[in-house]
C-alpha atoms as a PDB file:
ATOM      1  CA  MET A   1     129.529  96.613  68.279  1.00  0.00           C
ATOM      2  CA  ASN A   2     126.649  94.328  67.351  1.00  0.00           C
ATOM      3  CA  THR A   3     123.334  94.493  69.196  1.00  0.00           C
ATOM      4  CA  SER A   4     123.905  91.267  71.124  1.00  0.00           C
ATOM      5  CA  SER A   5     127.274  92.414  72.479  1.00  0.00           C
ATOM      6  CA  LEU A   6     125.889  95.866  73.280  1.00  0.00           C
ATOM      7  CA  HIS A   7     122.994  94.341  75.213  1.00  0.00           C
ATOM      8  CA  LYS A   8     125.373  92.120  77.135  1.00  0.00           C
ATOM      9  CA  ASN A   9     127.562  95.060  78.148  1.00  0.00           C
ATOM     10  CA  LEU A  10     124.537  97.132  79.099  1.00  0.00           C
ATOM     11  CA  ASP A  11     123.262  94.203  81.156  1.00  0.00           C
ATOM     12  CA  ASN A  12     126.509  94.165  83.124  1.00  0.00           C
ATOM     13  CA  VAL A  13     126.218  97.901  83.810  1.00  0.00           C
ATOM     14  CA  PHE A  14     122.570  97.711  84.878  1.00  0.00           C
ATOM     15  CA  LYS A  15     123.022  94.587  87.007  1.00  0.00           C
ATOM     16  CA  SER A  16     125.823  96.269  88.939  1.00  0.00           C
ATOM     17  CA  HIS A  17     123.782  99.366  89.767  1.00  0.00           C
ATOM     18  CA  ILE A  18     120.610  97.375  90.447  1.00  0.00           C
ATOM     19  CA  GLY A  19     122.593  95.315  92.934  1.00  0.00           C
ATOM     20  CA  ASN A  20     123.915  98.462  94.615  1.00  0.00           C
ATOM     21  CA  LEU A  21     120.407  99.897  94.922  1.00  0.00           C
ATOM     22  CA  ASN A  22     119.203  96.594  96.326  1.00  0.00           C
ATOM     23  CA  ASP A  23     121.857  96.850  99.044  1.00  0.00           C
ATOM     24  CA  VAL A  24     120.689 100.373  99.882  1.00  0.00           C
ATOM     25  CA  LEU A  25     117.087  99.174 100.085  1.00  0.00           C
ATOM     26  CA  ASP A  26     117.985  96.294 102.397  1.00  0.00           C
ATOM     27  CA  LYS A  27     119.882  98.621 104.722  1.00  0.00           C
ATOM     28  CA  LEU A  28     117.048 101.147 104.791  1.00  0.00           C
ATOM     29  CA  LYS A  29     114.454  98.474 105.556  1.00  0.00           C
ATOM     30  CA  GLU A  30     116.334  96.765 108.365  1.00  0.00           C
ATOM     31  CA  ASP A  31     118.255  99.645 109.936  1.00  0.00           C
ATOM     32  CA  ASP A  32     116.873 102.826 111.444  1.00  0.00           C
ATOM     33  CA  SER A  33     119.964 103.985 113.265  1.00  0.00           C
ATOM     34  CA  ALA A  34     120.422 107.713 113.580  1.00  0.00           C
ATOM     35  CA  ARG A  35     123.645 109.551 114.146  1.00  0.00           C
ATOM     36  CA  ALA A  36     124.199 111.780 117.135  1.00  0.00           C
ATOM     37  CA  MET A  37     123.030 115.322 116.593  1.00  0.00           C
ATOM     38  CA  ALA A  38     125.757 117.219 114.760  1.00  0.00           C
ATOM     39  CA  PRO A  39     126.836 120.623 116.104  1.00  0.00           C
ATOM     40  CA  GLY A  40     124.732 123.338 114.520  1.00  0.00           C
ATOM     41  CA  PHE A  41     122.221 120.836 113.112  1.00  0.00           C
ATOM     42  CA  LYS A  42     119.211 122.523 111.529  1.00  0.00           C
ATOM     43  CA  LEU A  43     116.329 120.370 110.343  1.00  0.00           C
ATOM     44  CA  GLU A  44     115.162 122.958 107.799  1.00  0.00           C
ATOM     45  CA  GLU A  45     118.542 122.927 106.062  1.00  0.00           C
ATOM     46  CA  VAL A  46     118.622 119.131 105.877  1.00  0.00           C
ATOM     47  CA  LEU A  47     115.097 118.992 104.443  1.00  0.00           C
ATOM     48  CA  SER A  48     116.102 121.585 101.848  1.00  0.00           C
ATOM     49  CA  LYS A  49     119.084 119.443 100.808  1.00  0.00           C
ATOM     50  CA  ILE A  50     116.850 116.358 100.618  1.00  0.00           C
ATOM     51  CA  ASP A  51     114.477 118.305  98.377  1.00  0.00           C
ATOM     52  CA  ALA A  52     117.355 119.277  96.083  1.00  0.00           C
ATOM     53  CA  ALA A  53     118.542 115.645  95.883  1.00  0.00           C
ATOM     54  CA  LEU A  54     115.025 114.485  95.010  1.00  0.00           C
ATOM     55  CA  LYS A  55     114.668 117.046  92.223  1.00  0.00           C
ATOM     56  CA  SER A  56     117.973 115.853  90.744  1.00  0.00           C
ATOM     57  CA  LEU A  57     116.841 112.226  90.941  1.00  0.00           C
ATOM     58  CA  SER A  58     113.589 113.098  89.193  1.00  0.00           C
ATOM     59  CA  PHE A  59     115.656 114.640  86.391  1.00  0.00           C
ATOM     60  CA  ASP A  60     117.855 111.509  86.304  1.00  0.00           C
ATOM     61  CA  ALA A  61     114.762 109.347  85.786  1.00  0.00           C
ATOM     62  CA  THR A  62     113.648 111.579  82.910  1.00  0.00           C
ATOM     63  CA  LYS A  63     117.089 111.365  81.241  1.00  0.00           C
ATOM     64  CA  LEU A  64     117.062 107.577  81.487  1.00  0.00           C
ATOM     65  CA  ALA A  65     113.631 107.373  79.887  1.00  0.00           C
ATOM     66  CA  MET A  66     114.670 109.717  77.071  1.00  0.00           C
ATOM     67  CA  VAL A  67     117.957 107.919  76.359  1.00  0.00           C
ATOM     68  CA  PHE A  68     116.127 104.679  75.598  1.00  0.00           C
ATOM     69  CA  LYS A  69     113.180 106.297  73.836  1.00  0.00           C
ATOM     70  CA  GLN A  70     114.647 105.680  70.384  1.00  0.00           C
ATOM     71  CA  PRO A  71     117.833 104.331  68.751  1.00  0.00           C
ATOM     72  CA  PRO A  72     120.755 104.442  68.879  1.00  0.00           C
ATOM     73  CA  LEU A  73     121.420 102.856  72.241  1.00  0.00           C
ATOM     74  CA  PRO A  74     123.882 104.680  74.500  1.00  0.00           C
ATOM     75  CA  LYS A  75     127.403 103.400  74.929  1.00  0.00           C
ATOM     76  CA  PRO A  76     127.793 101.237  78.068  1.00  0.00           C
ATOM     77  CA  GLU A  77     130.412 103.638  79.499  1.00  0.00           C
ATOM     78  CA  ASP A  78     128.085 106.631  79.017  1.00  0.00           C
ATOM     79  CA  CYS A  79     125.233 104.703  80.568  1.00  0.00           C
ATOM     80  CA  ASN A  80     127.428 103.691  83.496  1.00  0.00           C
ATOM     81  CA  GLN A  81     128.353 107.329  84.091  1.00  0.00           C
ATOM     82  CA  MET A  82     124.707 108.349  84.052  1.00  0.00           C
ATOM     83  CA  LEU A  83     123.679 105.596  86.481  1.00  0.00           C
ATOM     84  CA  ALA A  84     126.625 106.323  88.746  1.00  0.00           C
ATOM     85  CA  GLY A  85     125.423 109.921  89.025  1.00  0.00           C
ATOM     86  CA  ALA A  86     121.917 108.809  90.004  1.00  0.00           C
ATOM     87  CA  GLU A  87     123.317 106.268  92.442  1.00  0.00           C
ATOM     88  CA  GLY A  88     125.511 108.964  93.990  1.00  0.00           C
ATOM     89  CA  ARG A  89     122.470 111.144  94.586  1.00  0.00           C
ATOM     90  CA  ILE A  90     120.720 108.183  96.212  1.00  0.00           C
ATOM     91  CA  ILE A  91     123.678 107.859  98.601  1.00  0.00           C
ATOM     92  CA  VAL A  92     123.434 111.584  99.378  1.00  0.00           C
ATOM     93  CA  LEU A  93     119.691 111.246 100.020  1.00  0.00           C
ATOM     94  CA  VAL A  94     120.083 108.304 102.376  1.00  0.00           C
ATOM     95  CA  SER A  95     123.025 109.929 104.170  1.00  0.00           C
ATOM     96  CA  LEU A  96     120.953 113.062 104.766  1.00  0.00           C
ATOM     97  CA  PHE A  97     118.169 110.920 106.210  1.00  0.00           C
ATOM     98  CA  TYR A  98     120.539 109.117 108.557  1.00  0.00           C
ATOM     99  CA  GLY A  99     121.895 112.496 109.626  1.00  0.00           C
ATOM    100  CA  ILE A 100     118.515 113.435 111.116  1.00  0.00           C
ATOM    101  CA  PRO A 101     118.843 112.607 114.832  1.00  0.00           C
ATOM    102  CA  LYS A 102     116.073 110.848 116.731  1.00  0.00           C
ATOM    103  CA  GLU A 103     115.875 113.957 118.892  1.00  0.00           C
ATOM    104  CA  SER A 104     114.114 115.537 115.905  1.00  0.00           C
ATOM    105  CA  GLY A 105     111.338 112.983 116.353  1.00  0.00           C
ATOM    106  CA  VAL A 106     110.920 109.270 115.792  1.00  0.00           C
ATOM    107  CA  THR A 107     107.617 109.854 113.994  1.00  0.00           C
ATOM    108  CA  LEU A 108     109.200 112.399 111.638  1.00  0.00           C
ATOM    109  CA  ARG A 109     112.049 110.026 110.811  1.00  0.00           C
ATOM    110  CA  LYS A 110     109.509 107.284 110.114  1.00  0.00           C
ATOM    111  CA  ALA A 111     107.692 109.532 107.624  1.00  0.00           C
ATOM    112  CA  LEU A 112     110.909 110.606 105.899  1.00  0.00           C
ATOM    113  CA  LYS A 113     112.095 107.013 105.770  1.00  0.00           C
ATOM    114  CA  LYS A 114     108.976 106.157 103.753  1.00  0.00           C
ATOM    115  CA  VAL A 115     109.912 108.888 101.270  1.00  0.00           C
ATOM    116  CA  CYS A 116     113.455 107.552 100.935  1.00  0.00           C
ATOM    117  CA  LEU A 117     112.243 103.984 100.510  1.00  0.00           C
ATOM    118  CA  SER A 118     109.743 104.943  97.820  1.00  0.00           C
ATOM    119  CA  VAL A 119     112.384 106.869  95.853  1.00  0.00           C
ATOM    120  CA  VAL A 120     115.043 104.150  96.015  1.00  0.00           C
ATOM    121  CA  SER A 121     112.422 101.487  95.216  1.00  0.00           C
ATOM    122  CA  GLY A 122     111.175 103.575  92.295  1.00  0.00           C
ATOM    123  CA  LEU A 123     114.631 103.966  90.759  1.00  0.00           C
ATOM    124  CA  HIS A 124     115.401 100.290  91.382  1.00  0.00           C
ATOM    125  CA  GLU A 125     112.188  99.329  89.567  1.00  0.00           C
ATOM    126  CA  LEU A 126     112.959 101.704  86.697  1.00  0.00           C
ATOM    127  CA  LEU A 127     116.378 100.148  86.063  1.00  0.00           C
ATOM    128  CA  GLN A 128     114.881  96.661  86.180  1.00  0.00           C
ATOM    129  CA  ARG A 129     112.192  97.720  83.737  1.00  0.00           C
ATOM    130  CA  ILE A 130     114.676  99.219  81.255  1.00  0.00           C
ATOM    131  CA  MET A 131     116.763  96.053  81.312  1.00  0.00           C
ATOM    132  CA  SER A 132     113.781  93.667  81.075  1.00  0.00           C
ATOM    133  CA  ASP A 133     112.386  95.668  78.113  1.00  0.00           C
ATOM    134  CA  ARG A 134     115.781  95.184  76.410  1.00  0.00           C
ATOM    135  CA  TYR A 135     116.523  98.888  76.338  1.00  0.00           C
ATOM    136  CA  GLN A 136     113.469  99.907  74.356  1.00  0.00           C
ATOM    137  CA  SER A 137     110.789 102.376  75.327  1.00  0.00           C
ATOM    138  CA  SER A 138     107.464 100.955  76.502  1.00  0.00           C
ATOM    139  CA  GLN A 139     104.367 101.998  78.353  1.00  0.00           C
ATOM    140  CA  GLU A 140     105.643 100.139  81.401  1.00  0.00           C
ATOM    141  CA  LEU A 141     108.917 102.071  81.279  1.00  0.00           C
ATOM    142  CA  LEU A 142     107.028 105.376  81.153  1.00  0.00           C
ATOM    143  CA  SER A 143     104.898 104.210  84.067  1.00  0.00           C
ATOM    144  CA  SER A 144     108.018 103.348  86.082  1.00  0.00           C
ATOM    145  CA  THR A 145     109.473 106.765  85.287  1.00  0.00           C
ATOM    146  CA  GLY A 146     106.268 108.364  86.526  1.00  0.00           C
ATOM    147  CA  SER A 147     106.548 106.373  89.743  1.00  0.00           C
ATOM    148  CA  VAL A 148     109.978 107.888  90.393  1.00  0.00           C
ATOM    149  CA  TRP A 149     108.591 111.375  89.763  1.00  0.00           C
ATOM    150  CA  ALA A 150     105.700 110.752  92.159  1.00  0.00           C
ATOM    151  CA  ALA A 151     108.051 109.407  94.827  1.00  0.00           C
ATOM    152  CA  CYS A 152     110.336 112.426  94.499  1.00  0.00           C
ATOM    153  CA  GLU A 153     107.370 114.795  94.815  1.00  0.00           C
ATOM    154  CA  ARG A 154     106.183 113.031  97.962  1.00  0.00           C
ATOM    155  CA  LEU A 155     108.474 115.167 100.111  1.00  0.00           C
ATOM    156  CA  GLU A 156     106.263 118.178  99.391  1.00  0.00           C
ATOM    157  CA  ALA A 157     103.406 116.466 101.234  1.00  0.00           C
ATOM    158  CA  ALA A 158     105.667 114.982 103.909  1.00  0.00           C
ATOM    159  CA  PRO A 159     105.675 116.544 107.404  1.00  0.00           C
ATOM    160  CA  LYS A 160     108.275 119.219 108.059  1.00  0.00           C
ATOM    161  CA  ASP A 161     108.610 118.564 111.800  1.00  0.00           C
ATOM    162  CA  ASN A 162     107.611 116.007 114.410  1.00  0.00           C
ATOM    163  CA  LYS A 163     104.366 117.730 115.350  1.00  0.00           C
ATOM    164  CA  GLU A 164     103.169 117.611 111.741  1.00  0.00           C
ATOM    165  CA  ALA A 165     104.237 113.972 111.533  1.00  0.00           C
ATOM    166  CA  VAL A 166     102.308 113.049 114.690  1.00  0.00           C
ATOM    167  CA  LEU A 167      99.179 114.864 113.504  1.00  0.00           C
ATOM    168  CA  ALA A 168      99.360 113.024 110.159  1.00  0.00           C
ATOM    169  CA  GLU A 169      99.784 109.630 111.840  1.00  0.00           C
ATOM    170  CA  ILE A 170      96.836 110.152 114.178  1.00  0.00           C
ATOM    171  CA  GLN A 171      94.710 111.357 111.249  1.00  0.00           C
ATOM    172  CA  ALA A 172      95.558 108.170 109.349  1.00  0.00           C
ATOM    173  CA  ASP A 173      94.471 106.121 112.374  1.00  0.00           C
ATOM    174  CA  MET A 174      91.232 108.126 112.558  1.00  0.00           C
ATOM    175  CA  ASP A 175      90.496 107.249 108.928  1.00  0.00           C
ATOM    176  CA  LEU A 176      90.976 103.552 109.704  1.00  0.00           C
ATOM    177  CA  VAL A 177      88.623 103.796 112.686  1.00  0.00           C
ATOM    178  CA  LYS A 178      86.066 105.476 110.428  1.00  0.00           C
ATOM    179  CA  ASP A 179      86.263 102.440 108.125  1.00  0.00           C
ATOM    180  CA  ALA A 180      85.687 100.157 111.122  1.00  0.00           C
ATOM    181  CA  LEU A 181      82.613 102.169 112.121  1.00  0.00           C
ATOM    182  CA  GLU A 182      81.187 101.794 108.619  1.00  0.00           C
ATOM    183  CA  GLU A 183      81.888  98.060 108.657  1.00  0.00           C
ATOM    184  CA  LEU A 184      80.162  97.737 112.020  1.00  0.00           C
ATOM    185  CA  ALA A 185      77.140  99.654 110.740  1.00  0.00           C
ATOM    186  CA  GLU A 186      76.896  97.247 107.797  1.00  0.00           C
ATOM    187  CA  ALA A 187      77.096  94.300 110.174  1.00  0.00           C
ATOM    188  CA  GLN A 188      74.248  95.723 112.246  1.00  0.00           C
ATOM    189  CA  ASN A 189      72.091  96.304 109.170  1.00  0.00           C
ATOM    190  CA  SER A 190      72.797  92.937 107.534  1.00  0.00           C
ATOM    191  CA  ASP A 191      72.136  90.886 110.684  1.00  0.00           C
ATOM    192  CA  GLY A 192      74.809  88.490 109.417  1.00  0.00           C
ATOM    193  CA  GLU A 193      72.470  86.862 106.916  1.00  0.00           C
ATOM    194  CA  GLY A 194      74.249  87.981 103.774  1.00  0.00           C
ATOM    195  CA  MET A 195      77.426  86.141 104.724  1.00  0.00           C
ATOM    196  CA  ASP A 196      75.481  82.953 105.479  1.00  0.00           C
ATOM    197  CA  ASP A 197      73.790  83.047 102.062  1.00  0.00           C
ATOM    198  CA  PHE A 198      77.160  83.599 100.408  1.00  0.00           C
ATOM    199  CA  MET A 199      78.668  80.626 102.252  1.00  0.00           C
ATOM    200  CA  ASP A 200      75.717  78.410 101.201  1.00  0.00           C
ATOM    201  CA  ASP A 201      76.225  79.350  97.537  1.00  0.00           C
ATOM    202  CA  LEU A 202      79.984  78.842  97.804  1.00  0.00           C
ATOM    203  CA  GLU A 203      79.646  75.395  99.379  1.00  0.00           C
ATOM    204  CA  ALA A 204      77.184  74.342  96.675  1.00  0.00           C
ATOM    205  CA  ALA A 205      79.498  75.567  93.919  1.00  0.00           C
ATOM    206  CA  ILE A 206      82.489  73.727  95.363  1.00  0.00           C
ATOM    207  CA  SER A 207      80.613  70.452  95.863  1.00  0.00           C
ATOM    208  CA  GLY A 208      78.766  70.652  92.562  1.00  0.00           C
ATOM    209  CA  ASP A 209      75.499  69.936  94.376  1.00  0.00           C
ATOM    210  CA  GLU A 210      72.225  71.569  93.576  1.00  0.00           C
ATOM    211  CA  PRO A 211      70.812  73.754  96.336  1.00  0.00           C
ATOM    212  CA  ASN A 212      68.721  71.678  98.741  1.00  0.00           C
ATOM    213  CA  PRO A 213      65.155  73.064  98.811  1.00  0.00           C
ATOM    214  CA  PHE A 214      64.475  71.193 102.058  1.00  0.00           C
ATOM    215  CA  GLN A 215      67.532  72.544 103.869  1.00  0.00           C
ATOM    216  CA  ALA A 216      66.622  74.572 106.915  1.00  0.00           C
ATOM    217  CA  PRO A 217      67.554  78.230 106.441  1.00  0.00           C
ATOM    218  CA  ARG A 218      70.649  79.408 108.258  1.00  0.00           C
ATOM    219  CA  ARG A 219      70.028  81.568 111.235  1.00  0.00           C
ATOM    220  CA  GLY A 220      70.948  85.223 111.484  1.00  0.00           C
ATOM    221  CA  ARG A 221      72.215  86.590 114.755  1.00  0.00           C
ATOM    222  CA  MET A 222      71.017  85.163 118.023  1.00  0.00           C
ATOM    223  CA  ASP A 223      69.742  87.681 120.565  1.00  0.00           C
ATOM    224  CA  ARG A 224      73.022  87.689 122.496  1.00  0.00           C
ATOM    225  CA  GLU A 225      74.995  88.173 119.277  1.00  0.00           C
ATOM    226  CA  LYS A 226      72.810  91.151 118.434  1.00  0.00           C
ATOM    227  CA  ALA A 227      73.225  92.543 121.917  1.00  0.00           C
ATOM    228  CA  VAL A 228      77.036  92.676 121.727  1.00  0.00           C
ATOM    229  CA  LEU A 229      76.834  95.041 118.770  1.00  0.00           C
ATOM    230  CA  ILE A 230      75.723  97.877 121.047  1.00  0.00           C
ATOM    231  CA  PRO A 231      78.748  97.934 123.404  1.00  0.00           C
ATOM    232  CA  VAL A 232      81.115  97.087 120.522  1.00  0.00           C
ATOM    233  CA  SER A 233      79.723 100.094 118.676  1.00  0.00           C
ATOM    234  CA  GLY A 234      80.195 102.129 121.837  1.00  0.00           C
ATOM    235  CA  LEU A 235      83.852 101.076 122.084  1.00  0.00           C
ATOM    236  CA  THR A 236      84.381 101.904 118.410  1.00  0.00           C
ATOM    237  CA  LYS A 237      82.963 105.381 118.902  1.00  0.00           C
ATOM    238  CA  ALA A 238      85.169 105.755 121.976  1.00  0.00           C
ATOM    239  CA  CYS A 239      88.168 104.960 119.742  1.00  0.00           C
ATOM    240  CA  LYS A 240      87.089 107.655 117.327  1.00  0.00           C
ATOM    241  CA  ASN A 241      86.625 110.246 120.072  1.00  0.00           C
ATOM    242  CA  CYS A 242      89.851 109.251 121.801  1.00  0.00           C
ATOM    243  CA  LEU A 243      91.891 109.825 118.636  1.00  0.00           C
ATOM    244  CA  LYS A 244      89.993 112.982 117.699  1.00  0.00           C
ATOM    245  CA  LYS A 245      90.418 114.598 121.112  1.00  0.00           C
ATOM    246  CA  CYS A 246      94.069 113.596 121.452  1.00  0.00           C
ATOM    247  CA  ARG A 247      94.831 114.923 117.983  1.00  0.00           C
ATOM    248  CA  GLY A 248      93.068 118.159 118.853  1.00  0.00           C
ATOM    249  CA  ALA A 249      95.190 118.528 121.992  1.00  0.00           C
ATOM    250  CA  VAL A 250      98.376 117.915 120.006  1.00  0.00           C
ATOM    251  CA  LYS A 251      97.321 120.412 117.341  1.00  0.00           C
ATOM    252  CA  VAL A 252      96.507 123.164 119.846  1.00  0.00           C
ATOM    253  CA  ASN A 253      99.098 122.587 122.554  1.00  0.00           C
ATOM    254  CA  GLY A 254     101.820 120.452 120.962  1.00  0.00           C
ATOM    255  CA  ARG A 255     105.321 121.904 121.023  1.00  0.00           C
ATOM    256  CA  ILE A 256     108.659 120.801 119.567  1.00  0.00           C
ATOM    257  CA  THR A 257     110.970 123.173 121.407  1.00  0.00           C
ATOM    258  CA  SER A 258     112.762 120.482 123.418  1.00  0.00           C
ATOM    259  CA  ALA A 259     113.726 116.833 123.111  1.00  0.00           C
ATOM    260  CA  GLU A 260     111.357 116.034 125.989  1.00  0.00           C
ATOM    261  CA  GLU A 261     108.358 117.592 124.247  1.00  0.00           C
ATOM    262  CA  ILE A 262     109.213 115.852 120.977  1.00  0.00           C
ATOM    263  CA  GLY A 263     109.563 112.541 122.826  1.00  0.00           C
ATOM    264  CA  GLN A 264     106.168 112.990 124.487  1.00  0.00           C
ATOM    265  CA  LEU A 265     104.528 113.454 121.085  1.00  0.00           C
ATOM    266  CA  ASP A 266     106.225 110.270 119.879  1.00  0.00           C
ATOM    267  CA  LYS A 267     104.897 108.338 122.883  1.00  0.00           C
ATOM    268  CA  ILE A 268     101.346 109.524 122.208  1.00  0.00           C
ATOM    269  CA  VAL A 269     101.421 108.381 118.589  1.00  0.00           C
ATOM    270  CA  GLU A 270     103.177 105.130 119.510  1.00  0.00           C
ATOM    271  CA  ALA A 271     100.238 104.344 121.788  1.00  0.00           C
ATOM    272  CA  SER A 272      97.509 105.623 119.447  1.00  0.00           C
ATOM    273  CA  SER A 273      98.841 103.581 116.504  1.00  0.00           C
ATOM    274  CA  LYS A 274      97.807 100.430 118.383  1.00  0.00           C
ATOM    275  CA  ILE A 275      94.123 101.379 118.457  1.00  0.00           C
ATOM    276  CA  SER A 276      93.239 100.507 114.862  1.00  0.00           C
ATOM    277  CA  PRO A 277      94.772  96.979 114.823  1.00  0.00           C
ATOM    278  CA  HIS A 278      93.054  96.069 118.101  1.00  0.00           C
ATOM    279  CA  LEU A 279      89.775  97.552 116.873  1.00  0.00           C
ATOM    280  CA  ASP A 280      89.998  95.473 113.691  1.00  0.00           C
ATOM    281  CA  GLU A 281      90.343  92.337 115.831  1.00  0.00           C
ATOM    282  CA  LEU A 282      87.280  93.318 117.845  1.00  0.00           C
ATOM    283  CA  VAL A 283      85.054  94.230 114.894  1.00  0.00           C
ATOM    284  CA  SER A 284      86.018  91.124 112.901  1.00  0.00           C
ATOM    285  CA  GLY A 285      84.703  89.033 115.786  1.00  0.00           C
ATOM    286  CA  VAL A 286      81.111  90.304 115.686  1.00  0.00           C
ATOM    287  CA  TYR A 287      80.081  88.142 112.715  1.00  0.00           C
ATOM    288  CA  PRO A 288      78.093  85.018 113.594  1.00  0.00           C
ATOM    289  CA  PRO A 289      78.833  82.637 115.040  1.00  0.00           C
ATOM    290  CA  VAL A 290      80.330  85.016 117.606  1.00  0.00           C
ATOM    291  CA  GLY A 291      83.075  83.650 119.839  1.00  0.00           C
ATOM    292  CA  MET A 292      82.169  85.342 123.097  1.00  0.00           C
ATOM    293  CA  ALA A 293      85.434  84.507 124.886  1.00  0.00           C
ATOM    294  CA  SER A 294      87.652  85.946 122.126  1.00  0.00           C
ATOM    295  CA  LEU A 295      85.354  88.943 121.756  1.00  0.00           C
ATOM    296  CA  GLN A 296      85.731  89.702 125.444  1.00  0.00           C
ATOM    297  CA  THR A 297      89.518  89.291 125.284  1.00  0.00           C
ATOM    298  CA  ASN A 298      89.796  91.588 122.277  1.00  0.00           C
ATOM    299  CA  ALA A 299      87.616  94.183 123.983  1.00  0.00           C
ATOM    300  CA  ILE A 300      89.779  94.154 127.110  1.00  0.00           C
ATOM    301  CA  GLN A 301      92.947  94.588 125.048  1.00  0.00           C
ATOM    302  CA  LEU A 302      91.423  97.471 123.096  1.00  0.00           C
ATOM    303  CA  THR A 303      90.299  99.285 126.232  1.00  0.00           C
ATOM    304  CA  GLU A 304      93.782  98.920 127.729  1.00  0.00           C
ATOM    305  CA  VAL A 305      95.230 100.563 124.624  1.00  0.00           C
ATOM    306  CA  MET A 306      92.753 103.451 124.766  1.00  0.00           C
ATOM    307  CA  HIS A 307      93.410 104.031 128.462  1.00  0.00           C
ATOM    308  CA  ASP A 308      97.125 104.100 127.670  1.00  0.00           C
ATOM    309  CA  VAL A 309      96.610 106.727 124.956  1.00  0.00           C
ATOM    310  CA  LEU A 310      94.642 108.893 127.358  1.00  0.00           C
ATOM    311  CA  ASP A 311      97.250 108.441 130.097  1.00  0.00           C
ATOM    312  CA  LYS A 312     100.090 109.325 127.714  1.00  0.00           C
ATOM    313  CA  THR A 313      98.177 112.430 126.618  1.00  0.00           C
ATOM    314  CA  GLN A 314      97.371 113.495 130.177  1.00  0.00           C
ATOM    315  CA  GLY A 315     100.971 113.008 131.253  1.00  0.00           C
ATOM    316  CA  SER A 316     102.354 115.163 128.447  1.00  0.00           C
ATOM    317  CA  HIS A 317     102.670 118.872 127.796  1.00  0.00           C
ATOM    318  CA  VAL A 318      99.733 118.810 125.341  1.00  0.00           C
ATOM    319  CA  CYS A 319      97.234 118.321 128.163  1.00  0.00           C
ATOM    320  CA  SER A 320      95.777 121.552 129.500  1.00  0.00           C
ATOM    321  CA  GLU A 321      93.548 121.868 132.534  1.00  0.00           C
ATOM    322  CA  GLY A 322      90.547 122.054 130.244  1.00  0.00           C
ATOM    323  CA  ASP A 323      91.450 118.699 128.666  1.00  0.00           C
ATOM    324  CA  LEU A 324      91.142 116.812 131.934  1.00  0.00           C
ATOM    325  CA  GLN A 325      87.344 116.807 131.718  1.00  0.00           C
ATOM    326  CA  TRP A 326      87.102 114.969 128.398  1.00  0.00           C
ATOM    327  CA  ILE A 327      89.923 112.614 129.364  1.00  0.00           C
ATOM    328  CA  HIS A 328      88.045 111.661 132.530  1.00  0.00           C
ATOM    329  CA  PHE A 329      84.796 111.295 130.564  1.00  0.00           C
ATOM    330  CA  LEU A 330      86.394 109.009 127.960  1.00  0.00           C
ATOM    331  CA  HIS A 331      87.936 106.814 130.672  1.00  0.00           C
ATOM    332  CA  LYS A 332      84.438 106.326 132.105  1.00  0.00           C
ATOM    333  CA  ALA A 333      82.842 105.750 128.691  1.00  0.00           C
ATOM    334  CA  ILE A 334      85.426 103.106 127.813  1.00  0.00           C
ATOM    335  CA  ASN A 335      84.897 101.270 131.093  1.00  0.00           C
ATOM    336  CA  HIS A 336      81.113 101.494 130.771  1.00  0.00           C
ATOM    337  CA  ASN A 337      81.057  99.913 127.308  1.00  0.00           C
ATOM    338  CA  LEU A 338      83.478  97.202 128.376  1.00  0.00           C
ATOM    339  CA  GLU A 339      81.306  96.352 131.393  1.00  0.00           C
ATOM    340  CA  GLN A 340      78.218  96.214 129.161  1.00  0.00           C
ATOM    341  CA  LEU A 341      79.990  93.805 126.819  1.00  0.00           C
ATOM    342  CA  GLN A 342      81.285  91.655 129.664  1.00  0.00           C
ATOM    343  CA  ASN A 343      77.782  91.381 131.141  1.00  0.00           C
ATOM    344  CA  ILE A 344      76.634  89.865 127.848  1.00  0.00           C
ATOM    345  CA  THR A 345      79.624  87.655 127.068  1.00  0.00           C
ATOM    346  CA  LYS A 346      80.079  86.226 130.585  1.00  0.00           C
ATOM    347  CA  GLN A 347      76.689  84.517 130.347  1.00  0.00           C
ATOM    348  CA  GLN A 348      78.166  82.242 127.687  1.00  0.00           C
ATOM    349  CA  VAL A 349      81.805  82.282 128.787  1.00  0.00           C
ATOM    350  CA  GLY A 350      80.840  81.359 132.311  1.00  0.00           C
ATOM    351  CA  GLY A 351      82.419  84.393 133.956  1.00  0.00           C
END
């Protein structure tokens, strides 16, 4: 068989399996349905089977890379058999994921879904790369193979139960809040002048005009715009403490011995995951010129989210009698900073 005919037959094989993997990806992305809990279901056993499937898929990726490392090219029927084996293990992997009931934890399923998506995406990309490189080894092919390996190894770092998954999610949110605090600190130190200078230079470059030596310098922050940084900073620190304390309560007192306890952990993280997006909206609004009305609205929405996180925590099994003190304190701190901000913004908003 000449090279052209061989390539054409290999293309047909690869296109078929790439299409099948694409269907699996689409289903994983759009559907998160879980089956009812099977009699005798044990999460540890399912995770062990998923681990075995991932190790096999990592080996499949290695075989594919080696087959096309040097001539001669494999026969299309041999290649089809190899890809069918890998595709079969993908089906096993996804079926095992769908077999994990939501009673095991929505947050855990979300974390494991990310692992499944990364593995299927990695294999899908590898097949596309082999075909686009016309069945020759390349640096890009080796990189794609490495991506499959990394995706398969991701299960080792993945949470093993819903409590671990919730702790990981809250920690990720804490890291995002830390970034917001750093951004806010930079805004306080810069006084907004750096952005104005940048915009002046950009406008001059676009227009092709020389800088105007007689142009009045742009202003930095007005007094009221500086003043809002204090309560906004206070709300940001409240976000940090809210997440830190709630995570601490989950770590110390969190249990996964019943569907109710697992569901309560899910509700806490569902609420806490809203903090970072709302905080981003608030912090992005402190740059001059500050829109006081939108700043006030964003602050109110953020405080509502934080109160909800605290309420969900207090109403769950993770809240001990000793936790009530800091929950009460944070409620007051949140309200205090919001009132401080409203006292500043209402002067301009007309409230």
